[in-house]
Amino acid sequence: MIIAAEVKRDEQGYWTHPALVRSGCETSAELSYWLRTHKLQCFVMTMRDEAPEAFAAGFTDEAPDARGWIPEPPDDDGWFLGSVHDTGDGPVCYWFRHTTKILTPPHRVVVQPRERGKSQFPRSPAFLKHPLRKYCEK
C-alpha cells in the first residue's frame, strides 16, 4: 500500500513521492494504470490556478520554480502529496488518496483545479510532454 511520505522539496520547490519515482511512469496511460493498480485517486492542481502571483514571480527568474507555492490538499479526506513537478506550462501538484471504489479502464487523470479564479493561461496535457522521471529527485 502506498502511504504518505516525508516531503523534502528540492531547491526549486519540487518533490515526487518515492513510490511514484520507482513506478517509472512516463505517460498519462502509465500513470492511470499505476493509480488504478494501487487503488489511488489523483487530484491535480496547477500553480497558475492556485497561486497565480507566485506563478508569475517564479517565471521572472532564469529557471521557473515552485518555491513560492505551498499547495494545500483539496479537502481533509485522506489526501497526501504525490508530486510537485514542473511541466512546460508551469508547476503542477498531484494529490493522492486511497479509494475502495474499483477503477476500471479507461481511467484518466483529470485536471480539476479548485475554483479560486479563472486562469489566463490555456490548459494542456503537460504530463504527456514532460515525463516525471526528468523532474524527480534521484
Protein backbone atom coordinates (compact mmCIF):
# COMPACT_ATOMS: atom_id res chain seq x y z
CA MET A 1 0.00 0.00 0.00
CA ILE A 2 1.26 3.45 -0.90
CA ILE A 3 1.23 5.80 2.10
CA ALA A 4 2.22 9.40 2.72
CA ALA A 5 5.96 10.02 2.74
CA GLU A 6 8.10 12.73 4.29
CA VAL A 7 8.21 15.66 1.89
CA LYS A 8 11.59 17.33 1.34
CA ARG A 9 11.26 19.68 -1.59
CA ASP A 10 14.41 20.49 -3.56
CA GLU A 11 15.92 23.95 -4.10
CA GLN A 12 13.38 24.65 -6.86
CA GLY A 13 10.42 23.53 -4.74
CA TYR A 14 9.88 20.18 -6.48
CA TRP A 15 9.34 16.75 -4.94
CA THR A 16 7.89 13.42 -6.04
CA HIS A 17 6.69 10.54 -3.85
CA PRO A 18 9.30 7.74 -3.81
CA ALA A 19 6.72 5.16 -4.95
CA LEU A 20 5.88 7.28 -7.98
CA VAL A 21 9.58 7.69 -8.78
CA ARG A 22 10.04 3.89 -8.64
CA SER A 23 6.98 3.35 -10.84
CA GLY A 24 8.79 4.55 -13.94
CA CYS A 25 5.59 6.20 -15.25
CA GLU A 26 6.31 8.37 -18.25
CA THR A 27 2.90 8.74 -19.91
CA SER A 28 -0.60 9.53 -18.70
CA ALA A 29 -1.65 5.96 -19.59
CA GLU A 30 1.11 4.51 -17.41
CA LEU A 31 0.17 6.85 -14.56
CA SER A 32 -3.51 5.92 -14.87
CA TYR A 33 -2.64 2.22 -14.77
CA TRP A 34 -0.35 2.73 -11.76
CA LEU A 35 -3.06 4.68 -9.90
CA ARG A 36 -5.65 2.02 -10.68
CA THR A 37 -3.44 -0.90 -9.57
CA HIS A 38 -2.64 0.87 -6.29
CA LYS A 39 -6.28 1.92 -5.77
CA LEU A 40 -5.40 5.60 -5.67
CA GLN A 41 -7.32 8.64 -6.79
CA CYS A 42 -5.38 11.61 -8.11
CA PHE A 43 -6.32 15.28 -7.83
CA VAL A 44 -4.23 17.62 -9.98
CA MET A 45 -3.63 21.29 -9.17
CA THR A 46 -1.77 23.81 -11.26
CA MET A 47 0.30 26.56 -9.72
CA ARG A 48 -1.03 29.05 -12.27
CA ASP A 49 -4.58 28.49 -10.93
CA GLU A 50 -3.84 28.02 -7.23
CA ALA A 51 -1.14 30.66 -6.73
CA PRO A 52 -1.07 33.00 -9.74
CA GLU A 53 1.13 35.61 -8.01
CA ALA A 54 3.74 33.00 -7.05
CA PHE A 55 3.44 31.50 -10.53
CA ALA A 56 4.22 34.85 -12.16
CA ALA A 57 7.06 35.55 -9.71
CA GLY A 58 8.59 32.13 -10.38
CA PHE A 59 8.88 32.95 -14.06
CA THR A 60 10.88 36.14 -13.52
CA ASP A 61 13.94 34.08 -12.60
CA GLU A 62 16.13 32.31 -15.14
CA ALA A 63 14.68 28.91 -14.21
CA PRO A 64 10.99 28.74 -13.27
CA ASP A 65 10.33 27.13 -9.92
CA ALA A 66 7.69 26.28 -7.32
CA ARG A 67 9.43 27.64 -4.22
CA GLY A 68 6.70 30.19 -3.58
CA TRP A 69 3.88 27.64 -3.76
CA ILE A 70 2.59 25.74 -0.76
CA PRO A 71 -0.18 23.57 -2.22
CA GLU A 72 -2.99 22.56 0.11
CA PRO A 73 -4.98 19.33 -0.23
CA PRO A 74 -8.40 19.58 -1.90
CA ASP A 75 -10.08 18.68 1.41
CA ASP A 76 -9.29 16.83 4.64
CA ASP A 77 -10.40 13.45 3.34
CA GLY A 78 -7.14 11.45 3.31
CA TRP A 79 -5.19 13.23 0.56
CA PHE A 80 -1.39 13.07 0.65
CA LEU A 81 1.19 14.67 -1.60
CA GLY A 82 2.14 12.68 -4.69
CA SER A 83 4.27 15.19 -6.57
CA VAL A 84 5.11 18.81 -7.18
CA HIS A 85 6.87 18.90 -10.54
CA ASP A 86 7.49 21.16 -13.49
CA THR A 87 5.81 20.98 -16.87
CA GLY A 88 6.05 23.14 -19.96
CA ASP A 89 3.05 25.05 -18.61
CA GLY A 90 4.45 25.53 -15.11
CA PRO A 91 4.43 23.56 -11.86
CA VAL A 92 1.67 21.08 -11.05
CA CYS A 93 0.81 19.20 -7.87
CA TYR A 94 -0.61 15.68 -7.63
CA TRP A 95 -2.56 14.75 -4.52
CA PHE A 96 -3.27 11.04 -3.92
CA ARG A 97 -5.75 9.24 -1.70
CA HIS A 98 -6.86 5.65 -1.35
CA THR A 99 -10.14 4.54 -2.79
CA THR A 100 -12.24 1.45 -2.22
CA LYS A 101 -14.04 2.07 -5.48
CA ILE A 102 -12.97 -0.21 -8.31
CA LEU A 103 -11.47 1.93 -11.04
CA THR A 104 -11.99 0.34 -14.41
CA PRO A 105 -10.34 1.38 -17.66
CA PRO A 106 -10.39 3.85 -19.16
CA HIS A 107 -9.48 5.82 -16.05
CA ARG A 108 -7.86 9.15 -16.76
CA VAL A 109 -6.09 11.71 -14.66
CA VAL A 110 -8.46 14.65 -14.67
CA VAL A 111 -7.18 18.15 -14.08
CA GLN A 112 -9.61 19.73 -11.64
CA PRO A 113 -8.26 22.97 -10.21
CA ARG A 114 -10.23 24.32 -7.30
CA GLU A 115 -12.46 27.29 -8.02
CA ARG A 116 -10.24 30.16 -6.91
CA GLY A 117 -10.43 32.12 -10.10
CA LYS A 118 -10.10 31.72 -13.80
CA SER A 119 -6.64 31.29 -15.25
CA GLN A 120 -5.47 33.41 -18.14
CA PHE A 121 -3.28 30.54 -19.30
CA PRO A 122 -4.56 27.73 -21.54
CA ARG A 123 -4.71 24.20 -20.19
CA SER A 124 -2.81 21.42 -21.90
CA PRO A 125 -1.95 17.79 -21.18
CA ALA A 126 1.53 18.70 -19.97
CA PHE A 127 2.10 15.30 -18.39
CA LEU A 128 2.29 13.77 -21.85
CA LYS A 129 5.04 16.16 -22.91
CA HIS A 130 7.15 16.07 -19.75
CA PRO A 131 7.98 12.71 -18.14
CA LEU A 132 8.10 12.73 -14.35
CA ARG A 133 11.44 10.94 -14.25
CA LYS A 134 13.10 14.11 -15.52
CA TYR A 135 11.86 16.12 -12.52
CA CYS A 136 12.26 13.65 -9.66
CA GLU A 137 14.97 13.68 -7.03
CA LYS A 138 17.40 10.88 -7.63
